[in-house]
């Protein structure tokens, strides 16, 4: 299901990230961005 979603958005090459840090200063020059997170199984 995720692959179909990414394909429809043209983001087929999105690699899963382990961590995402969002800072206010980094958001100023961003519009739309697709980020795939790896599942954390603990």
C-alpha atoms as a PDB file:
ATOM      1  CA  UNK A   1       0.000   0.000   0.000  1.00  0.00           C
ATOM      2  CA  UNK A   2       2.833   2.394   0.818  1.00  0.00           C
ATOM      3  CA  UNK A   3       4.553   1.669  -2.496  1.00  0.00           C
ATOM      4  CA  UNK A   4       1.345   2.469  -4.396  1.00  0.00           C
ATOM      5  CA  UNK A   5       0.988   5.755  -2.486  1.00  0.00           C
ATOM      6  CA  UNK A   6       4.606   6.735  -3.178  1.00  0.00           C
ATOM      7  CA  UNK A   7       4.242   5.828  -6.870  1.00  0.00           C
ATOM      8  CA  UNK A   8       1.161   8.039  -7.233  1.00  0.00           C
ATOM      9  CA  UNK A   9       3.107  10.948  -5.741  1.00  0.00           C
ATOM     10  CA  UNK A  10       6.161  10.289  -7.923  1.00  0.00           C
ATOM     11  CA  UNK A  11       8.295   9.475  -4.870  1.00  0.00           C
ATOM     12  CA  UNK A  12       9.130   5.848  -5.669  1.00  0.00           C
ATOM     13  CA  UNK A  13      12.776   6.254  -4.628  1.00  0.00           C
ATOM     14  CA  UNK A  14      12.020   7.390  -1.070  1.00  0.00           C
ATOM     15  CA  UNK A  15      14.307   5.553   1.362  1.00  0.00           C
ATOM     16  CA  UNK A  16      13.106   4.836   4.910  1.00  0.00           C
ATOM     17  CA  UNK A  17      14.697   7.036   7.566  1.00  0.00           C
ATOM     18  CA  UNK A  18      15.289   5.867  11.130  1.00  0.00           C
ATOM     19  CA  UNK A  19      14.809   9.298  12.690  1.00  0.00           C
ATOM     20  CA  UNK A  20      13.165  12.619  11.841  1.00  0.00           C
ATOM     21  CA  UNK A  21      14.040  15.875  13.521  1.00  0.00           C
ATOM     22  CA  UNK A  22      11.947  18.920  12.631  1.00  0.00           C
ATOM     23  CA  UNK A  23      13.191  22.400  13.434  1.00  0.00           C
ATOM     24  CA  UNK A  24      11.257  25.599  12.841  1.00  0.00           C
ATOM     25  CA  UNK A  25      14.105  27.173  10.843  1.00  0.00           C
ATOM     26  CA  UNK A  26      14.143  24.169   8.472  1.00  0.00           C
ATOM     27  CA  UNK A  27      10.442  24.537   7.678  1.00  0.00           C
ATOM     28  CA  UNK A  28      10.720  28.003   6.141  1.00  0.00           C
ATOM     29  CA  UNK A  29      11.976  26.783   2.754  1.00  0.00           C
ATOM     30  CA  UNK A  30       9.949  23.539   2.611  1.00  0.00           C
ATOM     31  CA  UNK A  31       6.627  23.140   0.861  1.00  0.00           C
ATOM     32  CA  UNK A  32       5.782  19.478   0.352  1.00  0.00           C
ATOM     33  CA  UNK A  33       8.095  16.633   1.228  1.00  0.00           C
ATOM     34  CA  UNK A  34       7.411  12.936   1.617  1.00  0.00           C
ATOM     35  CA  UNK A  35       9.443  11.208   4.338  1.00  0.00           C
ATOM     36  CA  UNK A  36       9.148   7.497   5.012  1.00  0.00           C
ATOM     37  CA  UNK A  37      10.071   6.384   8.521  1.00  0.00           C
ATOM     38  CA  UNK A  38      11.307   2.903   9.412  1.00  0.00           C
ATOM     39  CA  UNK A  39       9.191   1.043  11.958  1.00  0.00           C
ATOM     40  CA  UNK A  40      10.654   0.978  15.452  1.00  0.00           C
ATOM     41  CA  UNK A  41      10.133  -2.460  16.911  1.00  0.00           C
ATOM     42  CA  UNK A  42      11.166  -2.564  20.539  1.00  0.00           C
END
